[in-house]
Amino acid sequence: MIDKARHEQIPFGVDHALSVIQGLAQAIILLHGKGLAHGTLSPHSIWISFEGAAQLIDVPFAGIIRSLLPKAPFLKASIEPYTRESAPNVLLQDLYALGAILFELLTFEKLPLGANVGSALSAITLKAAQEDAPVPAEILGLLRRLLLVAQPYESVTAFNADLEKVLYDGDYSPTTF
């Protein structure tokens, strides 16, 4: 979906990006609520329906994919922008991937690798929405925490509370008509 929108220069609304992230976040929250983690979340592991609903398609196989990464350099390189191996726990690894996907949905650019994340966040604009305006402060704050530039989330509950504020209290709420 991202590649097609980028290639055809189709605007991708911020509310649509947040709606996709909400669906993915619900899946991550459900996984972590059961004591499981994804660990290899990337756009390659997501299915978006024609109605816009987002689902993780490889959850049963995520552990197998993680175990194959050392033996599959091409696969590892393709998901590298969405992984942060130095994250202190599996929740933060999954949330980092979610942040990298949101970054790409908003900018049509892959998140830069390594230490460039903080500077990339300070320079991003809403290219995907063809607004070329700064990212709203509430979304930028969420991104900063997801991408471990600011204080990371200590629990799924803390993440969910911030996500709900962005989704339902901001100017780009997917529920605004």
Protein backbone atom coordinates (compact mmCIF):
# COMPACT_ATOMS: atom_id res chain seq x y z
CA MET A 1 0.00 0.00 0.00
CA ILE A 2 2.80 2.42 0.89
CA ASP A 3 4.77 1.58 -2.26
CA LYS A 4 1.70 1.99 -4.48
CA ALA A 5 0.72 5.31 -2.89
CA ARG A 6 4.33 6.57 -3.17
CA HIS A 7 4.69 5.42 -6.80
CA GLU A 8 1.34 6.81 -7.94
CA GLN A 9 1.72 9.94 -5.76
CA ILE A 10 -1.63 9.30 -4.12
CA PRO A 11 -2.16 11.36 -0.96
CA PHE A 12 -2.36 9.26 2.17
CA GLY A 13 -4.35 11.01 4.87
CA VAL A 14 -3.01 11.34 8.37
CA ASP A 15 -6.32 10.03 9.68
CA HIS A 16 -5.88 6.94 7.49
CA ALA A 17 -2.33 6.43 8.79
CA LEU A 18 -3.58 6.68 12.36
CA SER A 19 -6.38 4.23 11.60
CA VAL A 20 -3.86 1.70 10.25
CA ILE A 21 -1.63 2.19 13.31
CA GLN A 22 -4.63 1.75 15.60
CA GLY A 23 -5.40 -1.66 14.07
CA LEU A 24 -1.77 -2.74 14.39
CA ALA A 25 -1.55 -1.40 17.93
CA GLN A 26 -4.60 -3.42 18.94
CA ALA A 27 -2.92 -6.56 17.60
CA ILE A 28 0.31 -5.78 19.48
CA ILE A 29 -1.60 -5.05 22.70
CA LEU A 30 -3.47 -8.35 22.34
CA LEU A 31 -0.22 -10.25 21.72
CA HIS A 32 1.55 -8.72 24.69
CA GLY A 33 -1.52 -9.25 26.86
CA LYS A 34 -1.06 -12.97 26.19
CA GLY A 35 2.66 -12.81 26.98
CA LEU A 36 3.71 -12.99 23.31
CA ALA A 37 5.69 -10.67 21.07
CA HIS A 38 5.94 -10.26 17.33
CA GLY A 39 9.57 -9.16 16.99
CA THR A 40 9.65 -8.82 13.19
CA LEU A 41 6.85 -6.35 12.54
CA SER A 42 7.22 -4.56 9.20
CA PRO A 43 4.99 -3.50 6.30
CA HIS A 44 5.66 -6.97 4.86
CA SER A 45 3.72 -8.56 7.73
CA ILE A 46 0.62 -6.39 7.47
CA TRP A 47 -2.55 -6.83 5.46
CA ILE A 48 -4.83 -3.87 4.78
CA SER A 49 -8.37 -4.64 3.65
CA PHE A 50 -10.24 -2.63 1.03
CA GLU A 51 -12.14 -1.05 3.92
CA GLY A 52 -8.85 0.06 5.53
CA ALA A 53 -8.70 -2.44 8.40
CA ALA A 54 -5.13 -3.46 9.29
CA GLN A 55 -4.18 -6.94 10.46
CA LEU A 56 -0.95 -8.75 11.22
CA ILE A 57 -0.77 -11.72 8.88
CA ASP A 58 2.29 -13.56 10.10
CA VAL A 59 1.72 -13.78 13.85
CA PRO A 60 1.83 -17.60 13.98
CA PHE A 61 5.13 -17.55 12.06
CA ALA A 62 6.83 -14.51 13.62
CA GLY A 63 8.97 -16.65 15.94
CA ILE A 64 10.13 -18.79 13.02
CA ILE A 65 10.97 -15.68 11.01
CA ARG A 66 12.99 -14.28 13.95
CA SER A 67 14.96 -17.52 14.18
CA LEU A 68 15.73 -17.44 10.44
CA LEU A 69 17.05 -13.86 10.38
CA PRO A 70 20.72 -14.76 11.04
CA LYS A 71 20.60 -17.18 8.09
CA ALA A 72 18.68 -14.88 5.72
CA PRO A 73 20.62 -11.63 5.14
CA PHE A 74 18.17 -10.36 2.49
CA LEU A 75 15.21 -10.80 4.84
CA LYS A 76 17.13 -9.20 7.70
CA ALA A 77 18.08 -6.22 5.52
CA SER A 78 14.47 -5.74 4.34
CA ILE A 79 13.15 -5.41 7.90
CA GLU A 80 16.16 -3.55 9.34
CA PRO A 81 14.46 -0.10 9.34
CA TYR A 82 11.75 -1.60 11.55
CA THR A 83 13.98 -3.29 14.10
CA ARG A 84 15.89 -1.96 17.06
CA GLU A 85 17.87 -4.84 18.48
CA SER A 86 19.18 -2.66 21.30
CA ALA A 87 15.65 -2.12 22.65
CA PRO A 88 15.63 -3.30 26.27
CA ASN A 89 12.62 -5.63 25.87
CA VAL A 90 10.30 -7.22 23.32
CA LEU A 91 7.50 -4.70 23.94
CA LEU A 92 9.80 -1.82 22.99
CA GLN A 93 10.99 -3.76 19.93
CA ASP A 94 7.40 -4.13 18.73
CA LEU A 95 6.55 -0.52 19.54
CA TYR A 96 9.68 0.67 17.72
CA ALA A 97 8.52 -1.22 14.62
CA LEU A 98 5.09 0.36 14.96
CA GLY A 99 6.73 3.81 15.14
CA ALA A 100 8.86 3.08 12.06
CA ILE A 101 5.73 2.09 10.14
CA LEU A 102 3.90 5.24 11.27
CA PHE A 103 6.92 7.32 10.21
CA GLU A 104 6.76 5.76 6.75
CA LEU A 105 2.98 6.19 6.47
CA LEU A 106 3.31 9.90 7.25
CA THR A 107 6.40 10.69 5.17
CA PHE A 108 6.59 8.02 2.45
CA GLU A 109 10.22 7.59 3.55
CA LYS A 110 11.81 4.72 5.43
CA LEU A 111 13.11 5.55 8.88
CA PRO A 112 16.88 6.17 8.75
CA LEU A 113 18.99 3.61 10.51
CA GLY A 114 20.96 4.22 13.67
CA ALA A 115 21.49 7.50 15.45
CA ASN A 116 19.82 9.57 12.73
CA VAL A 117 16.31 8.89 14.09
CA GLY A 118 16.18 11.96 16.34
CA SER A 119 17.29 14.34 13.61
CA ALA A 120 14.92 12.70 11.12
CA LEU A 121 12.01 13.28 13.50
CA SER A 122 12.86 16.95 13.90
CA ALA A 123 12.76 17.44 10.12
CA ILE A 124 9.74 15.39 9.01
CA THR A 125 6.69 16.81 7.30
CA LEU A 126 3.39 15.26 6.27
CA LYS A 127 4.49 14.43 2.72
CA ALA A 128 2.15 11.47 2.48
CA ALA A 129 -0.83 13.76 3.05
CA GLN A 130 0.64 16.19 0.49
CA GLU A 131 0.48 18.91 3.10
CA ASP A 132 4.23 19.36 3.56
CA ALA A 133 3.31 20.75 6.97
CA PRO A 134 4.99 19.82 10.24
CA VAL A 135 3.76 16.70 11.98
CA PRO A 136 1.30 17.70 14.74
CA ALA A 137 2.88 17.83 18.21
CA GLU A 138 0.76 15.00 19.64
CA ILE A 139 1.72 12.64 16.80
CA LEU A 140 5.36 13.71 16.98
CA GLY A 141 5.36 13.04 20.74
CA LEU A 142 3.97 9.55 20.12
CA LEU A 143 6.61 8.92 17.45
CA ARG A 144 9.42 10.13 19.71
CA ARG A 145 8.43 7.65 22.43
CA LEU A 146 7.79 4.77 20.00
CA LEU A 147 11.18 5.30 18.33
CA LEU A 148 13.01 5.50 21.68
CA VAL A 149 14.10 9.11 21.16
CA ALA A 150 12.16 10.24 24.24
CA GLN A 151 11.16 8.33 27.40
CA PRO A 152 10.06 4.88 26.14
CA TYR A 153 6.78 3.31 27.16
CA GLU A 154 7.03 1.22 30.29
CA SER A 155 3.87 -0.79 29.60
CA VAL A 156 1.22 -1.57 27.03
CA THR A 157 -1.24 0.39 29.16
CA ALA A 158 0.86 3.58 28.99
CA PHE A 159 1.25 3.22 25.24
CA ASN A 160 -2.47 2.59 24.75
CA ALA A 161 -3.39 5.68 26.82
CA ASP A 162 -1.15 7.93 24.68
CA LEU A 163 -2.42 6.36 21.46
CA GLU A 164 -6.03 6.97 22.48
CA LYS A 165 -5.24 10.64 23.21
CA VAL A 166 -3.76 11.04 19.73
CA LEU A 167 -6.57 9.11 18.08
CA TYR A 168 -9.52 10.73 19.77
CA ASP A 169 -8.38 14.14 21.02
CA GLY A 170 -6.23 15.42 18.15
CA ASP A 171 -7.04 17.33 15.00
CA TYR A 172 -6.31 14.27 12.85
CA SER A 173 -8.59 11.84 14.62
CA PRO A 174 -9.75 9.01 12.34
CA THR A 175 -13.20 9.47 13.87
CA THR A 176 -13.56 13.10 12.70
CA PHE A 177 -15.94 13.54 9.81
